[in-house]
Amino acid sequence: MIAQVRPGEWDDWLQSQGARPLVLDVREPWELRTASMTPQDFDLLAIPMNEVPARLAELPADRTIACLCHHGARSQRVAMFLAHHGYTDVVNIAGGIEAWSRDRDPSVPLY
């Protein structure tokens, strides 16, 4: 089972991490241009969902990876894929960038 982190719980979740997590944004490039989060106390890497299998080597297995998409479904699938491939510290940002905008940072546009 993949842990879920809601944007409203993000600060508490970040504080519980022993190291700086990596947010893996799996949305398409046009989506990133439309709405994106600003990295603060985490690193951000954008790899579209369909490219993740071919680019798996770019993802560090020794870091916490929080997956993000528009609403949380694609990122959940990627998180499950990573867990299946041996990544042990993977979470899904529940509700995606839309929930991020609604619950945490209203400056992020909705689309």
N, C-alpha and C. Protein backbone atom coordinates (compact mmCIF):
# COMPACT_ATOMS: atom_id res chain seq x y z
N MET A 1 0.84 -1.18 0.00
CA MET A 1 0.00 0.00 0.00
C MET A 1 0.89 1.25 0.00
N ILE A 2 0.52 2.19 -0.82
CA ILE A 2 1.28 3.43 -0.95
C ILE A 2 0.71 4.47 0.01
N ALA A 3 1.58 5.07 0.82
CA ALA A 3 1.15 6.12 1.74
C ALA A 3 0.68 7.34 0.95
N GLN A 4 -0.31 8.03 1.50
CA GLN A 4 -0.88 9.22 0.89
C GLN A 4 -0.57 10.43 1.77
N VAL A 5 -0.11 11.51 1.15
CA VAL A 5 0.14 12.75 1.87
C VAL A 5 -0.71 13.83 1.23
N ARG A 6 -1.60 14.41 2.00
CA ARG A 6 -2.43 15.51 1.51
C ARG A 6 -1.63 16.81 1.59
N PRO A 7 -1.83 17.71 0.64
CA PRO A 7 -1.09 18.98 0.70
C PRO A 7 -1.26 19.73 2.02
N GLY A 8 -2.42 19.63 2.64
CA GLY A 8 -2.63 20.29 3.92
C GLY A 8 -1.80 19.70 5.05
N GLU A 9 -1.29 18.48 4.85
CA GLU A 9 -0.44 17.80 5.84
C GLU A 9 1.04 17.88 5.49
N TRP A 10 1.34 18.58 4.42
CA TRP A 10 2.69 18.58 3.85
C TRP A 10 3.77 19.02 4.84
N ASP A 11 3.54 20.12 5.55
CA ASP A 11 4.57 20.63 6.47
C ASP A 11 4.89 19.60 7.55
N ASP A 12 3.87 19.00 8.14
CA ASP A 12 4.10 17.97 9.16
C ASP A 12 4.83 16.78 8.56
N TRP A 13 4.45 16.39 7.36
CA TRP A 13 5.10 15.26 6.70
C TRP A 13 6.57 15.59 6.43
N LEU A 14 6.84 16.80 5.92
CA LEU A 14 8.23 17.21 5.65
C LEU A 14 9.07 17.14 6.90
N GLN A 15 8.53 17.62 8.02
CA GLN A 15 9.28 17.61 9.27
C GLN A 15 9.57 16.19 9.74
N SER A 16 8.74 15.24 9.36
CA SER A 16 8.95 13.85 9.78
C SER A 16 10.02 13.14 8.95
N GLN A 17 10.46 13.77 7.88
CA GLN A 17 11.45 13.15 7.00
C GLN A 17 12.86 13.39 7.55
N GLY A 18 13.70 12.40 7.43
CA GLY A 18 15.07 12.54 7.90
C GLY A 18 15.97 13.28 6.94
N ALA A 19 15.55 13.35 5.69
CA ALA A 19 16.35 14.01 4.66
C ALA A 19 15.41 14.72 3.69
N ARG A 20 15.98 15.52 2.84
CA ARG A 20 15.22 16.30 1.87
C ARG A 20 14.58 15.35 0.83
N PRO A 21 13.25 15.31 0.74
CA PRO A 21 12.61 14.40 -0.21
C PRO A 21 12.67 14.94 -1.64
N LEU A 22 12.39 14.04 -2.56
CA LEU A 22 12.30 14.37 -3.97
C LEU A 22 10.84 14.29 -4.39
N VAL A 23 10.31 15.37 -4.96
CA VAL A 23 8.97 15.33 -5.54
C VAL A 23 9.14 14.99 -7.02
N LEU A 24 8.52 13.90 -7.41
CA LEU A 24 8.53 13.46 -8.81
C LEU A 24 7.21 13.88 -9.44
N ASP A 25 7.27 14.89 -10.29
CA ASP A 25 6.08 15.38 -10.98
C ASP A 25 5.96 14.61 -12.29
N VAL A 26 4.89 13.82 -12.43
CA VAL A 26 4.75 12.93 -13.58
C VAL A 26 3.78 13.48 -14.63
N ARG A 27 3.47 14.77 -14.53
CA ARG A 27 2.57 15.38 -15.51
C ARG A 27 3.31 15.68 -16.82
N GLU A 28 2.54 15.97 -17.84
CA GLU A 28 3.07 16.29 -19.16
C GLU A 28 3.66 17.70 -19.16
N PRO A 29 4.59 17.99 -20.09
CA PRO A 29 5.22 19.32 -20.12
C PRO A 29 4.23 20.48 -20.18
N TRP A 30 3.16 20.36 -20.95
CA TRP A 30 2.18 21.45 -21.02
C TRP A 30 1.52 21.69 -19.66
N GLU A 31 1.34 20.62 -18.88
CA GLU A 31 0.75 20.77 -17.56
C GLU A 31 1.70 21.51 -16.62
N LEU A 32 2.99 21.21 -16.74
CA LEU A 32 3.99 21.90 -15.92
C LEU A 32 4.02 23.39 -16.24
N ARG A 33 3.88 23.71 -17.53
CA ARG A 33 3.87 25.12 -17.91
C ARG A 33 2.61 25.82 -17.39
N THR A 34 1.53 25.08 -17.24
CA THR A 34 0.26 25.64 -16.78
C THR A 34 0.26 25.89 -15.28
N ALA A 35 0.75 24.93 -14.51
CA ALA A 35 0.72 25.04 -13.05
C ALA A 35 1.83 24.20 -12.46
N SER A 36 2.65 24.80 -11.63
CA SER A 36 3.74 24.07 -10.99
C SER A 36 3.93 24.54 -9.55
N MET A 37 4.49 23.66 -8.75
CA MET A 37 4.82 24.01 -7.37
C MET A 37 6.24 24.55 -7.32
N THR A 38 6.51 25.35 -6.31
CA THR A 38 7.85 25.89 -6.10
C THR A 38 8.56 25.04 -5.05
N PRO A 39 9.72 24.47 -5.40
CA PRO A 39 10.43 23.65 -4.41
C PRO A 39 10.85 24.46 -3.19
N GLN A 40 10.44 23.98 -2.04
CA GLN A 40 10.84 24.56 -0.76
C GLN A 40 11.05 23.39 0.19
N ASP A 41 12.26 23.18 0.61
CA ASP A 41 12.61 22.06 1.50
C ASP A 41 12.43 20.70 0.84
N PHE A 42 12.37 20.68 -0.46
CA PHE A 42 12.33 19.44 -1.23
C PHE A 42 12.90 19.73 -2.61
N ASP A 43 13.33 18.68 -3.29
CA ASP A 43 13.80 18.82 -4.66
C ASP A 43 12.67 18.40 -5.59
N LEU A 44 12.68 18.91 -6.80
CA LEU A 44 11.63 18.64 -7.76
C LEU A 44 12.24 18.11 -9.05
N LEU A 45 11.68 17.00 -9.53
CA LEU A 45 12.11 16.40 -10.79
C LEU A 45 10.86 16.10 -11.60
N ALA A 46 10.83 16.55 -12.84
CA ALA A 46 9.69 16.30 -13.72
C ALA A 46 10.05 15.24 -14.75
N ILE A 47 9.31 14.14 -14.72
CA ILE A 47 9.43 13.08 -15.71
C ILE A 47 8.00 12.66 -16.05
N PRO A 48 7.54 12.86 -17.28
CA PRO A 48 6.19 12.42 -17.63
C PRO A 48 5.99 10.94 -17.33
N MET A 49 4.79 10.59 -16.90
CA MET A 49 4.49 9.23 -16.47
C MET A 49 4.99 8.17 -17.45
N ASN A 50 4.74 8.36 -18.73
CA ASN A 50 5.10 7.34 -19.72
C ASN A 50 6.60 7.20 -19.93
N GLU A 51 7.38 8.17 -19.44
CA GLU A 51 8.84 8.10 -19.58
C GLU A 51 9.52 7.50 -18.35
N VAL A 52 8.79 7.33 -17.26
CA VAL A 52 9.39 6.86 -16.01
C VAL A 52 10.10 5.51 -16.18
N PRO A 53 9.48 4.51 -16.83
CA PRO A 53 10.20 3.22 -16.95
C PRO A 53 11.57 3.35 -17.62
N ALA A 54 11.66 4.13 -18.67
CA ALA A 54 12.92 4.29 -19.40
C ALA A 54 13.93 5.15 -18.63
N ARG A 55 13.45 5.96 -17.71
CA ARG A 55 14.32 6.88 -16.99
C ARG A 55 14.46 6.51 -15.51
N LEU A 56 14.13 5.27 -15.17
CA LEU A 56 14.16 4.81 -13.79
C LEU A 56 15.51 5.05 -13.12
N ALA A 57 16.59 4.94 -13.87
CA ALA A 57 17.93 5.12 -13.31
C ALA A 57 18.15 6.54 -12.80
N GLU A 58 17.34 7.50 -13.22
CA GLU A 58 17.48 8.88 -12.75
C GLU A 58 16.91 9.07 -11.34
N LEU A 59 16.17 8.07 -10.86
CA LEU A 59 15.51 8.20 -9.56
C LEU A 59 16.32 7.50 -8.48
N PRO A 60 16.73 8.23 -7.46
CA PRO A 60 17.54 7.63 -6.40
C PRO A 60 16.70 6.70 -5.52
N ALA A 61 17.18 5.48 -5.34
CA ALA A 61 16.45 4.50 -4.52
C ALA A 61 16.63 4.76 -3.03
N ASP A 62 17.58 5.62 -2.67
CA ASP A 62 17.87 5.85 -1.25
C ASP A 62 17.25 7.14 -0.71
N ARG A 63 16.31 7.73 -1.45
CA ARG A 63 15.62 8.95 -1.01
C ARG A 63 14.12 8.72 -0.98
N THR A 64 13.45 9.51 -0.16
CA THR A 64 11.99 9.51 -0.19
C THR A 64 11.55 10.19 -1.48
N ILE A 65 10.61 9.54 -2.18
CA ILE A 65 10.06 10.10 -3.42
C ILE A 65 8.56 10.30 -3.22
N ALA A 66 8.12 11.54 -3.40
CA ALA A 66 6.70 11.88 -3.33
C ALA A 66 6.23 12.15 -4.75
N CYS A 67 5.30 11.35 -5.24
CA CYS A 67 4.82 11.45 -6.62
C CYS A 67 3.65 12.42 -6.71
N LEU A 68 3.63 13.20 -7.79
CA LEU A 68 2.62 14.25 -8.00
C LEU A 68 2.12 14.21 -9.43
N CYS A 69 0.81 14.42 -9.59
CA CYS A 69 0.23 14.62 -10.92
C CYS A 69 -0.89 15.66 -10.80
N HIS A 70 -1.88 15.61 -11.67
CA HIS A 70 -2.97 16.59 -11.65
C HIS A 70 -3.94 16.34 -10.50
N HIS A 71 -4.46 15.13 -10.41
CA HIS A 71 -5.45 14.80 -9.37
C HIS A 71 -5.00 13.68 -8.43
N GLY A 72 -3.92 12.98 -8.75
CA GLY A 72 -3.42 11.94 -7.86
C GLY A 72 -3.49 10.53 -8.41
N ALA A 73 -4.15 10.32 -9.54
CA ALA A 73 -4.29 8.96 -10.08
C ALA A 73 -3.02 8.50 -10.80
N ARG A 74 -2.49 9.32 -11.69
CA ARG A 74 -1.26 8.94 -12.40
C ARG A 74 -0.10 8.78 -11.42
N SER A 75 0.00 9.71 -10.47
CA SER A 75 1.09 9.63 -9.50
C SER A 75 0.96 8.39 -8.62
N GLN A 76 -0.26 7.98 -8.33
CA GLN A 76 -0.46 6.75 -7.57
C GLN A 76 0.06 5.55 -8.36
N ARG A 77 -0.22 5.51 -9.65
CA ARG A 77 0.26 4.41 -10.49
C ARG A 77 1.79 4.41 -10.56
N VAL A 78 2.39 5.59 -10.67
CA VAL A 78 3.86 5.67 -10.71
C VAL A 78 4.43 5.24 -9.36
N ALA A 79 3.83 5.66 -8.27
CA ALA A 79 4.31 5.25 -6.95
C ALA A 79 4.26 3.73 -6.81
N MET A 80 3.19 3.12 -7.29
CA MET A 80 3.07 1.66 -7.23
C MET A 80 4.14 1.00 -8.11
N PHE A 81 4.40 1.58 -9.27
CA PHE A 81 5.44 1.08 -10.17
C PHE A 81 6.80 1.13 -9.48
N LEU A 82 7.09 2.26 -8.84
CA LEU A 82 8.37 2.41 -8.14
C LEU A 82 8.49 1.38 -7.01
N ALA A 83 7.44 1.23 -6.24
CA ALA A 83 7.46 0.25 -5.16
C ALA A 83 7.69 -1.15 -5.70
N HIS A 84 7.07 -1.47 -6.82
CA HIS A 84 7.25 -2.78 -7.46
C HIS A 84 8.70 -3.00 -7.90
N HIS A 85 9.38 -1.91 -8.20
CA HIS A 85 10.77 -1.99 -8.66
C HIS A 85 11.78 -1.74 -7.53
N GLY A 86 11.35 -1.92 -6.30
CA GLY A 86 12.28 -1.91 -5.18
C GLY A 86 12.44 -0.60 -4.43
N TYR A 87 11.74 0.43 -4.83
CA TYR A 87 11.81 1.70 -4.10
C TYR A 87 10.98 1.54 -2.84
N THR A 88 11.60 1.76 -1.70
CA THR A 88 10.93 1.45 -0.43
C THR A 88 10.31 2.65 0.26
N ASP A 89 10.67 3.86 -0.13
CA ASP A 89 10.16 5.05 0.54
C ASP A 89 9.47 5.95 -0.49
N VAL A 90 8.25 5.55 -0.86
CA VAL A 90 7.50 6.24 -1.89
C VAL A 90 6.13 6.62 -1.33
N VAL A 91 5.71 7.85 -1.59
CA VAL A 91 4.38 8.30 -1.19
C VAL A 91 3.70 8.97 -2.39
N ASN A 92 2.40 9.09 -2.31
CA ASN A 92 1.62 9.79 -3.32
C ASN A 92 1.09 11.08 -2.71
N ILE A 93 1.19 12.18 -3.45
CA ILE A 93 0.60 13.43 -3.01
C ILE A 93 -0.87 13.38 -3.43
N ALA A 94 -1.72 13.07 -2.47
CA ALA A 94 -3.14 12.85 -2.72
C ALA A 94 -3.82 14.13 -3.22
N GLY A 95 -4.57 13.99 -4.27
CA GLY A 95 -5.27 15.14 -4.83
C GLY A 95 -4.47 15.93 -5.83
N GLY A 96 -3.17 15.63 -5.94
CA GLY A 96 -2.32 16.24 -6.96
C GLY A 96 -2.15 17.74 -6.84
N ILE A 97 -1.75 18.33 -7.96
CA ILE A 97 -1.49 19.77 -8.00
C ILE A 97 -2.77 20.57 -7.77
N GLU A 98 -3.91 19.97 -8.10
CA GLU A 98 -5.18 20.67 -7.85
C GLU A 98 -5.40 20.83 -6.34
N ALA A 99 -5.20 19.77 -5.58
CA ALA A 99 -5.33 19.86 -4.12
C ALA A 99 -4.25 20.78 -3.55
N TRP A 100 -3.05 20.76 -4.16
CA TRP A 100 -1.98 21.65 -3.72
C TRP A 100 -2.44 23.10 -3.82
N SER A 101 -3.06 23.43 -4.94
CA SER A 101 -3.56 24.78 -5.16
C SER A 101 -4.70 25.12 -4.20
N ARG A 102 -5.64 24.22 -4.04
CA ARG A 102 -6.81 24.48 -3.19
C ARG A 102 -6.47 24.51 -1.70
N ASP A 103 -5.58 23.62 -1.26
CA ASP A 103 -5.32 23.45 0.18
C ASP A 103 -4.06 24.11 0.68
N ARG A 104 -3.15 24.47 -0.22
CA ARG A 104 -1.84 24.93 0.25
C ARG A 104 -1.38 26.22 -0.41
N ASP A 105 -1.46 26.31 -1.73
CA ASP A 105 -0.89 27.47 -2.42
C ASP A 105 -1.84 27.94 -3.52
N PRO A 106 -2.75 28.85 -3.19
CA PRO A 106 -3.72 29.30 -4.19
C PRO A 106 -3.11 30.08 -5.35
N SER A 107 -1.82 30.40 -5.28
CA SER A 107 -1.18 31.06 -6.43
C SER A 107 -0.92 30.09 -7.57
N VAL A 108 -1.01 28.77 -7.30
CA VAL A 108 -0.87 27.76 -8.35
C VAL A 108 -2.19 27.70 -9.10
N PRO A 109 -2.17 27.96 -10.42
CA PRO A 109 -3.41 27.97 -11.19
C PRO A 109 -4.09 26.60 -11.22
N LEU A 110 -5.41 26.64 -11.24
CA LEU A 110 -6.20 25.43 -11.47
C LEU A 110 -6.39 25.26 -12.96
N TYR A 111 -6.45 24.01 -13.40
CA TYR A 111 -6.73 23.75 -14.82
C TYR A 111 -7.53 22.50 -14.97
